[in-house]
Structure formats: C-alpha cells, structure tokens
Amino acid sequence: MDKTLKRMATMQRMQVTGLELFYKKGYYNTSVDDILKELSLSKGAFYYHFESKEDFFIQIIENLLVRKMYSMLIEPIEGHENTIDLITNCFEEALETAVHNELDFGFVLSNFVNEFNGKNEKVMKHLNDILRIWEANLVSAIQRGKFNGYIDRHVDSEGVAVYLMSAYIGVRTLMVETAPSARKYRFMSQLRQYFKSLEPKPENAFNRD
C-alpha cells in the first residue's frame, strides 16, 4: 500500500510540474529532459511511470486539466439560482484569478488547442472533449435559466454558449501582459449588458412567485 501511495504521489508531482512547464513553454518546446531537470529525476523514473511524452501529457489532461476546468468554469454554474448571476460570477472569479497571476500565459485549454491543432489528433480529441463538456454544461445552464424564468424562452441556448466560450477565450488571450485588470473590467461590463438583453421580455416573463 505504501509503495502504491508513493508511486501515486510521484506521478502527481511529475504531472503538476509537467503542466506548469507545458503551459509556460508549450508542449513542443518542452523536452522530457526539461521536466526531469526540474524534478531532479532520472529518465528511468519517468519511463517507469509513463510510456512516452505524449502519454504523460494525456494523463495530465485526464488528471489535472479536466479537474481544473471543472472547478473553474463548470461546477460554479451548476446551481439552480439565477443562471445569469452564476455565469457572471463564474467568469468574474476566473478572470480575477488570471489578473493576479504573475505568470499568466493565457487560457491554458485554448493554448493547448492552438498548439496541437493539425499536429496531433489523439491529443486534440482529449482537448476537444473538454470543450464539448464545457459547452454542454453552458447549454444546460442556459436552458435551466429559461425554464426558471431568468432568460427569455426564445433565446438560442447553443448560440449563447458558443458566444460565451468564444468571448471568454478571447479576453483571456487579450489579458496576457496587456492591462489585464482594465481589460477584465471592460469585458465584464459588456458581458453584463449582453446578459440584460437575454432577460425575459415583459410579455414572456414567467411568474416566479
């Protein structure tokens, strides 16, 4: 049991360090040697736990990136409160975290999508799976908002979800190194105006009492 726990702890440490390096330098600009140097491990130790650099990265996606995305952008919008408030607060908190991150290199998921697109179908499948999960959860949240009377019933749920994803990815890119706090403020101001346009029209509003 102790050996199993030690192995799991070692793999976790390797994956956390790997994700940090891949995020900072990019997958193709980071070698296995770079990772081993950072961890003070041998190649034998690396290949004991992982078949290849690609296998290592896929396990990072499955064990770390999925969890990071879920806790940051999916779990916060799963409640039955006002959907618009849930999404607004979710984006606000995620962007505020980025503002205070001195080592911000952009939205980690979109960075990897851009890097692997057209280069590695296997990795892209895993990355696109995360995007699909995010999109599906946004659609579900918007539909709940329509059902609960917070969003106009004529709103295109799928269209809004794609727009929100595109807007978030875009502003995260613009925030890198260039007035992140100011850009976050302007983005959130416009997002709130956009959400006002989604609220039920008087003739369509449900009675929430």
N, C-alpha and C. Protein backbone atom coordinates (compact mmCIF):
# COMPACT_ATOMS: atom_id res chain seq x y z
N MET A 1 0.83 -1.20 0.00
CA MET A 1 0.00 0.00 0.00
C MET A 1 0.86 1.26 0.00
N ASP A 2 1.91 1.24 0.83
CA ASP A 2 2.80 2.40 0.91
C ASP A 2 3.47 2.67 -0.42
N LYS A 3 3.86 1.58 -1.12
CA LYS A 3 4.51 1.73 -2.42
C LYS A 3 3.54 2.33 -3.43
N THR A 4 2.29 1.90 -3.37
CA THR A 4 1.27 2.43 -4.29
C THR A 4 1.05 3.91 -4.05
N LEU A 5 0.93 4.30 -2.79
CA LEU A 5 0.73 5.71 -2.45
C LEU A 5 1.93 6.55 -2.87
N LYS A 6 3.13 6.01 -2.67
CA LYS A 6 4.34 6.73 -3.05
C LYS A 6 4.40 6.92 -4.56
N ARG A 7 4.01 5.86 -5.29
CA ARG A 7 4.00 5.94 -6.76
C ARG A 7 2.99 6.98 -7.23
N MET A 8 1.81 6.98 -6.62
CA MET A 8 0.79 7.95 -6.99
C MET A 8 1.24 9.38 -6.68
N ALA A 9 1.91 9.55 -5.55
CA ALA A 9 2.40 10.88 -5.17
C ALA A 9 3.47 11.36 -6.14
N THR A 10 4.34 10.43 -6.56
CA THR A 10 5.39 10.78 -7.52
C THR A 10 4.79 11.17 -8.86
N MET A 11 3.81 10.40 -9.32
CA MET A 11 3.15 10.70 -10.59
C MET A 11 2.44 12.05 -10.53
N GLN A 12 1.79 12.31 -9.41
CA GLN A 12 1.10 13.60 -9.23
C GLN A 12 2.09 14.75 -9.30
N ARG A 13 3.22 14.62 -8.62
CA ARG A 13 4.23 15.67 -8.62
C ARG A 13 4.79 15.88 -10.03
N MET A 14 5.00 14.79 -10.75
CA MET A 14 5.51 14.89 -12.12
C MET A 14 4.50 15.58 -13.02
N GLN A 15 3.22 15.24 -12.87
CA GLN A 15 2.20 15.82 -13.72
C GLN A 15 1.99 17.30 -13.44
N VAL A 16 2.01 17.68 -12.17
CA VAL A 16 1.86 19.09 -11.82
C VAL A 16 3.00 19.91 -12.41
N THR A 17 4.22 19.41 -12.25
CA THR A 17 5.39 20.11 -12.81
C THR A 17 5.32 20.13 -14.33
N GLY A 18 4.92 19.00 -14.92
CA GLY A 18 4.80 18.93 -16.38
C GLY A 18 3.81 19.94 -16.91
N LEU A 19 2.65 20.06 -16.26
CA LEU A 19 1.64 21.01 -16.70
C LEU A 19 2.17 22.44 -16.61
N GLU A 20 2.87 22.75 -15.55
CA GLU A 20 3.44 24.10 -15.38
C GLU A 20 4.40 24.43 -16.51
N LEU A 21 5.27 23.47 -16.84
CA LEU A 21 6.26 23.70 -17.90
C LEU A 21 5.60 23.77 -19.28
N PHE A 22 4.65 22.87 -19.55
CA PHE A 22 3.97 22.86 -20.85
C PHE A 22 3.17 24.16 -21.03
N TYR A 23 2.57 24.64 -19.96
CA TYR A 23 1.80 25.89 -20.01
C TYR A 23 2.71 27.08 -20.28
N LYS A 24 3.87 27.08 -19.65
CA LYS A 24 4.79 28.20 -19.77
C LYS A 24 5.53 28.21 -21.11
N LYS A 25 6.04 27.04 -21.52
CA LYS A 25 6.90 26.97 -22.70
C LYS A 25 6.24 26.35 -23.92
N GLY A 26 5.11 25.64 -23.71
CA GLY A 26 4.48 24.91 -24.81
C GLY A 26 4.94 23.45 -24.80
N TYR A 27 4.10 22.58 -25.29
CA TYR A 27 4.40 21.14 -25.30
C TYR A 27 5.64 20.84 -26.14
N TYR A 28 5.66 21.37 -27.36
CA TYR A 28 6.74 21.02 -28.29
C TYR A 28 8.07 21.70 -27.95
N ASN A 29 8.02 22.73 -27.14
CA ASN A 29 9.25 23.40 -26.72
C ASN A 29 9.77 22.88 -25.38
N THR A 30 9.07 21.90 -24.82
CA THR A 30 9.47 21.32 -23.54
C THR A 30 9.86 19.86 -23.75
N SER A 31 11.07 19.53 -23.40
CA SER A 31 11.54 18.15 -23.56
C SER A 31 11.36 17.37 -22.26
N VAL A 32 11.44 16.05 -22.39
CA VAL A 32 11.40 15.21 -21.19
C VAL A 32 12.56 15.57 -20.27
N ASP A 33 13.71 15.89 -20.84
CA ASP A 33 14.87 16.28 -20.04
C ASP A 33 14.60 17.55 -19.23
N ASP A 34 13.85 18.49 -19.82
CA ASP A 34 13.48 19.71 -19.10
C ASP A 34 12.67 19.37 -17.85
N ILE A 35 11.75 18.44 -18.01
CA ILE A 35 10.89 18.03 -16.90
C ILE A 35 11.70 17.32 -15.83
N LEU A 36 12.57 16.42 -16.27
CA LEU A 36 13.39 15.66 -15.32
C LEU A 36 14.35 16.57 -14.55
N LYS A 37 14.88 17.56 -15.26
CA LYS A 37 15.79 18.51 -14.60
C LYS A 37 15.06 19.28 -13.50
N GLU A 38 13.82 19.68 -13.80
CA GLU A 38 13.02 20.43 -12.83
C GLU A 38 12.69 19.57 -11.61
N LEU A 39 12.51 18.26 -11.85
CA LEU A 39 12.11 17.35 -10.78
C LEU A 39 13.28 16.62 -10.13
N SER A 40 14.46 16.75 -10.73
CA SER A 40 15.64 16.01 -10.26
C SER A 40 15.39 14.50 -10.28
N LEU A 41 14.83 14.03 -11.40
CA LEU A 41 14.56 12.60 -11.59
C LEU A 41 15.33 12.08 -12.79
N SER A 42 15.48 10.76 -12.84
CA SER A 42 16.17 10.12 -13.96
C SER A 42 15.17 9.77 -15.06
N LYS A 43 15.70 9.49 -16.27
CA LYS A 43 14.83 9.06 -17.36
C LYS A 43 14.14 7.74 -17.02
N GLY A 44 14.88 6.91 -16.31
CA GLY A 44 14.32 5.62 -15.91
C GLY A 44 13.08 5.81 -15.05
N ALA A 45 13.12 6.79 -14.16
CA ALA A 45 11.97 7.07 -13.30
C ALA A 45 10.78 7.56 -14.12
N PHE A 46 11.07 8.39 -15.13
CA PHE A 46 9.99 8.91 -15.97
C PHE A 46 9.31 7.78 -16.74
N TYR A 47 10.13 6.95 -17.42
CA TYR A 47 9.56 5.91 -18.26
C TYR A 47 9.03 4.71 -17.46
N TYR A 48 9.32 4.69 -16.17
CA TYR A 48 8.71 3.70 -15.29
C TYR A 48 7.23 4.03 -15.10
N HIS A 49 6.91 5.33 -15.08
CA HIS A 49 5.54 5.77 -14.82
C HIS A 49 4.76 6.05 -16.11
N PHE A 50 5.46 6.47 -17.17
CA PHE A 50 4.77 6.88 -18.40
C PHE A 50 5.45 6.25 -19.61
N GLU A 51 4.62 5.88 -20.60
CA GLU A 51 5.15 5.22 -21.79
C GLU A 51 5.93 6.19 -22.68
N SER A 52 5.48 7.43 -22.73
CA SER A 52 6.08 8.42 -23.62
C SER A 52 5.69 9.82 -23.16
N LYS A 53 6.27 10.81 -23.80
CA LYS A 53 5.91 12.20 -23.50
C LYS A 53 4.43 12.44 -23.82
N GLU A 54 3.95 11.85 -24.91
CA GLU A 54 2.54 12.01 -25.28
C GLU A 54 1.63 11.38 -24.23
N ASP A 55 1.98 10.17 -23.79
CA ASP A 55 1.21 9.50 -22.74
C ASP A 55 1.20 10.35 -21.47
N PHE A 56 2.32 10.93 -21.14
CA PHE A 56 2.46 11.81 -19.98
C PHE A 56 1.50 12.99 -20.10
N PHE A 57 1.46 13.60 -21.27
CA PHE A 57 0.60 14.77 -21.46
C PHE A 57 -0.88 14.39 -21.41
N ILE A 58 -1.24 13.27 -22.01
CA ILE A 58 -2.64 12.83 -21.98
C ILE A 58 -3.10 12.55 -20.56
N GLN A 59 -2.22 11.98 -19.75
CA GLN A 59 -2.58 11.75 -18.34
C GLN A 59 -2.71 13.08 -17.58
N ILE A 60 -1.92 14.07 -17.98
CA ILE A 60 -2.06 15.41 -17.38
C ILE A 60 -3.44 15.98 -17.72
N ILE A 61 -3.85 15.80 -18.98
CA ILE A 61 -5.18 16.28 -19.39
C ILE A 61 -6.26 15.61 -18.55
N GLU A 62 -6.18 14.27 -18.46
CA GLU A 62 -7.22 13.50 -17.78
C GLU A 62 -7.24 13.73 -16.26
N ASN A 63 -6.07 13.91 -15.67
CA ASN A 63 -5.99 14.00 -14.20
C ASN A 63 -5.98 15.42 -13.66
N LEU A 64 -5.44 16.37 -14.44
CA LEU A 64 -5.32 17.74 -13.93
C LEU A 64 -6.15 18.76 -14.69
N LEU A 65 -6.07 18.73 -16.02
CA LEU A 65 -6.73 19.76 -16.82
C LEU A 65 -8.25 19.66 -16.73
N VAL A 66 -8.76 18.44 -16.79
CA VAL A 66 -10.21 18.25 -16.68
C VAL A 66 -10.71 18.77 -15.33
N ARG A 67 -9.98 18.42 -14.27
CA ARG A 67 -10.37 18.85 -12.92
C ARG A 67 -10.29 20.37 -12.78
N LYS A 68 -9.25 20.95 -13.36
CA LYS A 68 -9.08 22.41 -13.30
C LYS A 68 -10.23 23.12 -14.02
N MET A 69 -10.58 22.63 -15.20
CA MET A 69 -11.68 23.22 -15.96
C MET A 69 -13.01 23.07 -15.23
N TYR A 70 -13.22 21.89 -14.65
CA TYR A 70 -14.48 21.64 -13.95
C TYR A 70 -14.65 22.59 -12.76
N SER A 71 -13.61 22.70 -11.96
CA SER A 71 -13.72 23.53 -10.75
C SER A 71 -13.81 25.02 -11.09
N MET A 72 -13.21 25.43 -12.21
CA MET A 72 -13.15 26.85 -12.55
C MET A 72 -14.35 27.34 -13.37
N LEU A 73 -14.81 26.54 -14.34
CA LEU A 73 -15.80 27.04 -15.29
C LEU A 73 -17.08 26.20 -15.41
N ILE A 74 -17.13 25.05 -14.76
CA ILE A 74 -18.31 24.20 -14.90
C ILE A 74 -19.08 24.08 -13.58
N GLU A 75 -18.40 23.66 -12.54
CA GLU A 75 -19.07 23.49 -11.24
C GLU A 75 -19.78 24.77 -10.76
N PRO A 76 -19.16 25.96 -10.92
CA PRO A 76 -19.81 27.18 -10.41
C PRO A 76 -21.14 27.52 -11.08
N ILE A 77 -21.44 26.94 -12.25
CA ILE A 77 -22.70 27.30 -12.94
C ILE A 77 -23.73 26.17 -12.87
N GLU A 78 -23.50 25.19 -12.02
CA GLU A 78 -24.39 24.03 -11.97
C GLU A 78 -25.60 24.22 -11.05
N GLY A 79 -25.65 25.31 -10.31
CA GLY A 79 -26.76 25.51 -9.37
C GLY A 79 -28.06 25.91 -10.05
N HIS A 80 -29.11 26.04 -9.25
CA HIS A 80 -30.44 26.41 -9.78
C HIS A 80 -30.79 27.86 -9.48
N GLU A 81 -29.80 28.63 -9.01
CA GLU A 81 -30.03 30.05 -8.79
C GLU A 81 -30.11 30.75 -10.16
N ASN A 82 -30.18 32.06 -10.14
CA ASN A 82 -30.25 32.83 -11.38
C ASN A 82 -29.04 32.50 -12.26
N THR A 83 -29.31 31.90 -13.42
CA THR A 83 -28.24 31.45 -14.32
C THR A 83 -27.32 32.60 -14.73
N ILE A 84 -27.89 33.75 -15.01
CA ILE A 84 -27.10 34.90 -15.43
C ILE A 84 -26.12 35.30 -14.32
N ASP A 85 -26.58 35.29 -13.08
CA ASP A 85 -25.70 35.62 -11.95
C ASP A 85 -24.61 34.57 -11.79
N LEU A 86 -24.98 33.30 -11.95
CA LEU A 86 -23.99 32.21 -11.80
C LEU A 86 -22.87 32.34 -12.83
N ILE A 87 -23.23 32.55 -14.08
CA ILE A 87 -22.22 32.66 -15.14
C ILE A 87 -21.39 33.93 -14.98
N THR A 88 -22.06 35.03 -14.63
CA THR A 88 -21.34 36.30 -14.41
C THR A 88 -20.31 36.14 -13.30
N ASN A 89 -20.72 35.57 -12.16
CA ASN A 89 -19.80 35.39 -11.04
C ASN A 89 -18.69 34.42 -11.38
N CYS A 90 -19.01 33.37 -12.13
CA CYS A 90 -18.02 32.38 -12.55
C CYS A 90 -16.92 33.04 -13.38
N PHE A 91 -17.32 33.80 -14.39
CA PHE A 91 -16.35 34.48 -15.25
C PHE A 91 -15.56 35.52 -14.47
N GLU A 92 -16.26 36.25 -13.61
CA GLU A 92 -15.62 37.30 -12.81
C GLU A 92 -14.48 36.70 -11.97
N GLU A 93 -14.77 35.59 -11.29
CA GLU A 93 -13.77 34.98 -10.41
C GLU A 93 -12.62 34.37 -11.21
N ALA A 94 -12.94 33.71 -12.33
CA ALA A 94 -11.89 33.11 -13.15
C ALA A 94 -10.96 34.18 -13.72
N LEU A 95 -11.52 35.29 -14.18
CA LEU A 95 -10.71 36.36 -14.74
C LEU A 95 -9.92 37.09 -13.66
N GLU A 96 -10.51 37.24 -12.49
CA GLU A 96 -9.80 37.90 -11.38
C GLU A 96 -8.58 37.07 -10.97
N THR A 97 -8.73 35.76 -10.99
CA THR A 97 -7.59 34.87 -10.69
C THR A 97 -6.47 35.10 -11.70
N ALA A 98 -6.83 35.24 -12.97
CA ALA A 98 -5.84 35.49 -14.01
C ALA A 98 -5.15 36.84 -13.83
N VAL A 99 -5.92 37.85 -13.41
CA VAL A 99 -5.36 39.19 -13.19
C VAL A 99 -4.22 39.14 -12.17
N HIS A 100 -4.39 38.33 -11.14
CA HIS A 100 -3.40 38.27 -10.06
C HIS A 100 -2.34 37.20 -10.27
N ASN A 101 -2.38 36.54 -11.42
CA ASN A 101 -1.38 35.52 -11.72
C ASN A 101 -0.21 36.18 -12.46
N GLU A 102 0.91 36.31 -11.76
CA GLU A 102 2.08 36.97 -12.36
C GLU A 102 2.69 36.16 -13.49
N LEU A 103 2.39 34.88 -13.53
CA LEU A 103 2.91 34.01 -14.58
C LEU A 103 1.77 33.59 -15.52
N ASP A 104 0.98 34.57 -15.93
CA ASP A 104 -0.16 34.29 -16.81
C ASP A 104 0.29 34.21 -18.26
N PHE A 105 0.01 33.05 -18.88
CA PHE A 105 0.35 32.88 -20.30
C PHE A 105 -0.91 32.64 -21.13
N GLY A 106 -2.07 33.02 -20.60
CA GLY A 106 -3.31 32.84 -21.34
C GLY A 106 -4.14 31.69 -20.79
N PHE A 107 -5.25 31.42 -21.48
CA PHE A 107 -6.17 30.35 -21.08
C PHE A 107 -5.55 29.01 -21.44
N VAL A 108 -5.24 28.22 -20.43
CA VAL A 108 -4.45 27.01 -20.64
C VAL A 108 -5.06 26.07 -21.68
N LEU A 109 -6.38 25.89 -21.66
CA LEU A 109 -7.02 24.96 -22.60
C LEU A 109 -6.89 25.45 -24.03
N SER A 110 -7.18 26.73 -24.27
CA SER A 110 -7.09 27.24 -25.64
C SER A 110 -5.65 27.30 -26.13
N ASN A 111 -4.70 27.52 -25.22
CA ASN A 111 -3.28 27.48 -25.61
C ASN A 111 -2.93 26.13 -26.19
N PHE A 112 -3.36 25.06 -25.50
CA PHE A 112 -3.04 23.72 -25.97
C PHE A 112 -3.81 23.37 -27.24
N VAL A 113 -5.04 23.82 -27.35
CA VAL A 113 -5.82 23.58 -28.58
C VAL A 113 -5.10 24.20 -29.77
N ASN A 114 -4.64 25.43 -29.61
CA ASN A 114 -3.92 26.11 -30.69
C ASN A 114 -2.61 25.39 -31.03
N GLU A 115 -1.93 24.88 -30.00
CA GLU A 115 -0.64 24.24 -30.24
C GLU A 115 -0.78 22.89 -30.93
N PHE A 116 -1.80 22.13 -30.57
CA PHE A 116 -1.93 20.76 -31.09
C PHE A 116 -2.79 20.66 -32.35
N ASN A 117 -3.54 21.70 -32.64
CA ASN A 117 -4.43 21.65 -33.80
C ASN A 117 -3.66 21.36 -35.09
N GLY A 118 -4.05 20.29 -35.77
CA GLY A 118 -3.38 19.90 -37.01
C GLY A 118 -2.08 19.15 -36.82
N LYS A 119 -1.69 18.89 -35.57
CA LYS A 119 -0.42 18.22 -35.30
C LYS A 119 -0.58 16.87 -34.60
N ASN A 120 -1.61 16.74 -33.78
CA ASN A 120 -1.76 15.50 -33.01
C ASN A 120 -3.24 15.24 -32.76
N GLU A 121 -3.84 14.36 -33.58
CA GLU A 121 -5.27 14.07 -33.48
C GLU A 121 -5.64 13.43 -32.15
N LYS A 122 -4.78 12.58 -31.62
CA LYS A 122 -5.07 11.87 -30.38
C LYS A 122 -5.21 12.85 -29.22
N VAL A 123 -4.26 13.78 -29.10
CA VAL A 123 -4.32 14.78 -28.04
C VAL A 123 -5.49 15.73 -28.28
N MET A 124 -5.71 16.12 -29.54
CA MET A 124 -6.81 17.03 -29.86
C MET A 124 -8.16 16.45 -29.46
N LYS A 125 -8.32 15.14 -29.58
CA LYS A 125 -9.58 14.51 -29.18
C LYS A 125 -9.84 14.75 -27.69
N HIS A 126 -8.80 14.58 -26.88
CA HIS A 126 -8.94 14.79 -25.43
C HIS A 126 -9.26 16.26 -25.12
N LEU A 127 -8.59 17.18 -25.81
CA LEU A 127 -8.82 18.61 -25.58
C LEU A 127 -10.23 19.02 -26.03
N ASN A 128 -10.64 18.51 -27.20
CA ASN A 128 -11.97 18.83 -27.70
C ASN A 128 -13.07 18.24 -26.83
N ASP A 129 -12.78 17.11 -26.19
CA ASP A 129 -13.75 16.53 -25.25
C ASP A 129 -14.04 17.50 -24.10
N ILE A 130 -12.98 18.17 -23.62
CA ILE A 130 -13.17 19.15 -22.54
C ILE A 130 -14.01 20.33 -23.04
N LEU A 131 -13.72 20.81 -24.25
CA LEU A 131 -14.50 21.90 -24.82
C LEU A 131 -15.97 21.51 -24.96
N ARG A 132 -16.22 20.26 -25.39
CA ARG A 132 -17.60 19.80 -25.55
C ARG A 132 -18.33 19.73 -24.21
N ILE A 133 -17.61 19.27 -23.18
CA ILE A 133 -18.21 19.20 -21.84
C ILE A 133 -18.55 20.60 -21.34
N TRP A 134 -17.64 21.53 -21.53
CA TRP A 134 -17.87 22.93 -21.13
C TRP A 134 -19.08 23.48 -21.87
N GLU A 135 -19.12 23.27 -23.18
CA GLU A 135 -20.23 23.78 -23.99
C GLU A 135 -21.55 23.16 -23.54
N ALA A 136 -21.57 21.85 -23.33
CA ALA A 136 -22.80 21.17 -22.92
C ALA A 136 -23.31 21.70 -21.58
N ASN A 137 -22.39 21.98 -20.67
CA ASN A 137 -22.80 22.49 -19.36
C ASN A 137 -23.32 23.93 -19.45
N LEU A 138 -22.72 24.72 -20.33
CA LEU A 138 -23.24 26.07 -20.54
C LEU A 138 -24.65 26.01 -21.14
N VAL A 139 -24.84 25.14 -22.12
CA VAL A 139 -26.16 24.99 -22.74
C VAL A 139 -27.19 24.58 -21.69
N SER A 140 -26.83 23.61 -20.86
CA SER A 140 -27.74 23.15 -19.81
C SER A 140 -28.08 24.27 -18.83
N ALA A 141 -27.07 25.06 -18.47
CA ALA A 141 -27.30 26.17 -17.54
C ALA A 141 -28.24 27.20 -18.15
N ILE A 142 -28.05 27.51 -19.42
CA ILE A 142 -28.90 28.49 -20.10
C ILE A 142 -30.34 27.96 -20.22
N GLN A 143 -30.47 26.69 -20.51
CA GLN A 143 -31.81 26.10 -20.59
C GLN A 143 -32.51 26.11 -19.23
N ARG A 144 -31.75 25.86 -18.16
CA ARG A 144 -32.32 25.96 -16.81
C ARG A 144 -32.79 27.38 -16.54
N GLY A 145 -31.97 28.35 -17.00
CA GLY A 145 -32.34 29.75 -16.82
C GLY A 145 -33.62 30.09 -17.55
N LYS A 146 -33.81 29.51 -18.73
CA LYS A 146 -35.06 29.73 -19.48
C LYS A 146 -36.24 29.10 -18.75
N PHE A 147 -36.05 27.88 -18.28
CA PHE A 147 -37.11 27.15 -17.58
C PHE A 147 -37.51 27.86 -16.29
N ASN A 148 -36.51 28.41 -15.59
CA ASN A 148 -36.77 29.08 -14.30
C ASN A 148 -37.18 30.54 -14.46
N GLY A 149 -37.23 31.02 -15.70
CA GLY A 149 -37.72 32.37 -15.95
C GLY A 149 -36.69 33.48 -15.85
N TYR A 150 -35.41 33.12 -15.83
CA TYR A 150 -34.37 34.15 -15.75
C TYR A 150 -33.87 34.58 -17.12
N ILE A 151 -34.11 33.74 -18.14
CA ILE A 151 -33.67 34.02 -19.50
C ILE A 151 -34.87 33.87 -20.43
N ASP A 152 -34.96 34.76 -21.42
CA ASP A 152 -36.08 34.72 -22.36
C ASP A 152 -36.16 33.36 -23.06
N ARG A 153 -37.37 32.83 -23.17
CA ARG A 153 -37.53 31.47 -23.71
C ARG A 153 -37.19 31.37 -25.19
N HIS A 154 -37.08 32.50 -25.89
CA HIS A 154 -36.76 32.47 -27.32
C HIS A 154 -35.24 32.50 -27.58
N VAL A 155 -34.46 32.62 -26.53
CA VAL A 155 -33.00 32.68 -26.68
C VAL A 155 -32.46 31.36 -27.21
N ASP A 156 -31.50 31.44 -28.12
CA ASP A 156 -30.83 30.25 -28.68
C ASP A 156 -29.75 29.78 -27.70
N SER A 157 -30.04 28.74 -26.93
CA SER A 157 -29.12 28.28 -25.89
C SER A 157 -27.75 27.89 -26.44
N GLU A 158 -27.74 27.16 -27.56
CA GLU A 158 -26.47 26.73 -28.15
C GLU A 158 -25.68 27.92 -28.66
N GLY A 159 -26.37 28.89 -29.26
CA GLY A 159 -25.68 30.08 -29.77
C GLY A 159 -25.06 30.90 -28.65
N VAL A 160 -25.79 31.05 -27.55
CA VAL A 160 -25.26 31.80 -26.40
C VAL A 160 -24.05 31.09 -25.82
N ALA A 161 -24.11 29.76 -25.71
CA ALA A 161 -22.99 29.00 -25.15
C ALA A 161 -21.73 29.19 -25.98
N VAL A 162 -21.85 29.09 -27.29
CA VAL A 162 -20.69 29.27 -28.17
C VAL A 162 -20.15 30.69 -28.07
N TYR A 163 -21.05 31.67 -28.00
CA TYR A 163 -20.63 33.06 -27.88
C TYR A 163 -19.86 33.28 -26.57
N LEU A 164 -20.37 32.74 -25.47
CA LEU A 164 -19.72 32.92 -24.17
C LEU A 164 -18.34 32.27 -24.15
N MET A 165 -18.24 31.07 -24.72
CA MET A 165 -16.94 30.40 -24.78
C MET A 165 -15.95 31.22 -25.60
N SER A 166 -16.39 31.68 -26.76
CA SER A 166 -15.52 32.47 -27.64
C SER A 166 -15.08 33.77 -26.97
N ALA A 167 -16.03 34.41 -26.29
CA ALA A 167 -15.72 35.68 -25.62
C ALA A 167 -14.72 35.46 -24.49
N TYR A 168 -14.92 34.42 -23.71
CA TYR A 168 -14.01 34.15 -22.58
C TYR A 168 -12.60 33.83 -23.09
N ILE A 169 -12.52 32.95 -24.07
CA ILE A 169 -11.21 32.58 -24.62
C ILE A 169 -10.52 33.82 -25.20
N GLY A 170 -11.31 34.65 -25.88
CA GLY A 170 -10.74 35.86 -26.48
C GLY A 170 -10.19 36.84 -25.46
N VAL A 171 -10.96 37.11 -24.42
CA VAL A 171 -10.48 38.10 -23.44
C VAL A 171 -9.30 37.56 -22.65
N ARG A 172 -9.26 36.25 -22.41
CA ARG A 172 -8.11 35.67 -21.70
C ARG A 172 -6.84 35.86 -22.53
N THR A 173 -6.97 35.76 -23.83
CA THR A 173 -5.82 35.98 -24.71
C THR A 173 -5.38 37.44 -24.67
N LEU A 174 -6.35 38.34 -24.71
CA LEU A 174 -6.04 39.78 -24.70
C LEU A 174 -5.46 40.25 -23.36
N MET A 175 -5.78 39.53 -22.29
CA MET A 175 -5.32 39.94 -20.96
C MET A 175 -3.85 39.64 -20.70
N VAL A 176 -3.24 38.80 -21.53
CA VAL A 176 -1.85 38.41 -21.30
C VAL A 176 -0.93 39.61 -21.49
N GLU A 177 -0.29 40.04 -20.42
CA GLU A 177 0.73 41.09 -20.44
C GLU A 177 0.22 42.49 -20.75
N THR A 178 -1.06 42.64 -21.12
CA THR A 178 -1.54 43.96 -21.53
C THR A 178 -2.74 44.39 -20.70
N ALA A 179 -2.51 45.21 -19.68
CA ALA A 179 -3.56 45.78 -18.84
C ALA A 179 -4.65 44.77 -18.50
N PRO A 180 -4.30 43.66 -17.88
CA PRO A 180 -5.31 42.62 -17.61
C PRO A 180 -6.48 43.09 -16.77
N SER A 181 -6.22 43.90 -15.76
CA SER A 181 -7.30 44.36 -14.89
C SER A 181 -8.29 45.25 -15.65
N ALA A 182 -7.78 46.15 -16.45
CA ALA A 182 -8.63 47.05 -17.22
C ALA A 182 -9.44 46.29 -18.27
N ARG A 183 -8.80 45.32 -18.91
CA ARG A 183 -9.50 44.54 -19.93
C ARG A 183 -10.57 43.64 -19.31
N LYS A 184 -10.24 43.11 -18.16
CA LYS A 184 -11.25 42.31 -17.45
C LYS A 184 -12.46 43.17 -17.10
N TYR A 185 -12.22 44.39 -16.60
CA TYR A 185 -13.30 45.30 -16.21
C TYR A 185 -14.18 45.63 -17.41
N ARG A 186 -13.56 45.96 -18.54
CA ARG A 186 -14.34 46.32 -19.73
C ARG A 186 -15.13 45.13 -20.26
N PHE A 187 -14.49 43.97 -20.23
CA PHE A 187 -15.17 42.76 -20.70
C PHE A 187 -16.39 42.46 -19.84
N MET A 188 -16.22 42.49 -18.52
CA MET A 188 -17.32 42.18 -17.62
C MET A 188 -18.45 43.21 -17.74
N SER A 189 -18.11 44.46 -17.97
CA SER A 189 -19.14 45.49 -18.15
C SER A 189 -19.99 45.18 -19.38
N GLN A 190 -19.34 44.81 -20.47
CA GLN A 190 -20.07 44.49 -21.70
C GLN A 190 -20.84 43.17 -21.56
N LEU A 191 -20.27 42.23 -20.82
CA LEU A 191 -20.96 40.95 -20.60
C LEU A 191 -22.27 41.16 -19.86
N ARG A 192 -22.24 42.04 -18.85
CA ARG A 192 -23.46 42.32 -18.10
C ARG A 192 -24.51 42.99 -19.00
N GLN A 193 -24.07 43.86 -19.89
CA GLN A 193 -25.01 44.47 -20.84
C GLN A 193 -25.61 43.40 -21.77
N TYR A 194 -24.76 42.49 -22.21
CA TYR A 194 -25.23 41.41 -23.08
C TYR A 194 -26.28 40.55 -22.35
N PHE A 195 -25.99 40.22 -21.11
CA PHE A 195 -26.92 39.38 -20.34
C PHE A 195 -28.27 40.08 -20.13
N LYS A 196 -28.26 41.40 -20.01
CA LYS A 196 -29.52 42.12 -19.87
C LYS A 196 -30.41 41.89 -21.08
N SER A 197 -29.78 41.75 -22.26
CA SER A 197 -30.55 41.53 -23.48
C SER A 197 -31.17 40.13 -23.53
N LEU A 198 -30.69 39.24 -22.67
CA LEU A 198 -31.22 37.87 -22.64
C LEU A 198 -32.36 37.70 -21.64
N GLU A 199 -32.57 38.71 -20.79
CA GLU A 199 -33.61 38.59 -19.78
C GLU A 199 -35.00 38.56 -20.43
N PRO A 200 -35.95 37.92 -19.76
CA PRO A 200 -37.30 37.78 -20.34
C PRO A 200 -37.93 39.14 -20.65
N LYS A 201 -38.58 39.22 -21.80
CA LYS A 201 -39.35 40.42 -22.13
C LYS A 201 -40.62 40.38 -21.27
N PRO A 202 -41.19 41.51 -20.96
CA PRO A 202 -42.36 41.55 -20.06
C PRO A 202 -43.46 40.56 -20.44
N GLU A 203 -43.71 40.42 -21.76
CA GLU A 203 -44.79 39.53 -22.17
C GLU A 203 -44.41 38.06 -22.06
N ASN A 204 -43.07 37.79 -21.93
CA ASN A 204 -42.62 36.40 -21.85
C ASN A 204 -42.20 35.99 -20.45
N ALA A 205 -42.15 36.96 -19.54
CA ALA A 205 -41.64 36.66 -18.20
C ALA A 205 -42.53 35.66 -17.48
N PHE A 206 -41.92 34.70 -16.80
CA PHE A 206 -42.67 33.72 -16.01
C PHE A 206 -42.96 34.33 -14.64
N ASN A 207 -43.97 33.87 -14.01
CA ASN A 207 -44.26 34.26 -12.62
C ASN A 207 -43.44 33.38 -11.70
N ARG A 208 -42.44 33.99 -11.03
CA ARG A 208 -41.54 33.20 -10.20
C ARG A 208 -42.03 33.09 -8.75
N ASP A 209 -43.18 33.66 -8.46
CA ASP A 209 -43.70 33.62 -7.08
C ASP A 209 -44.39 32.27 -6.81
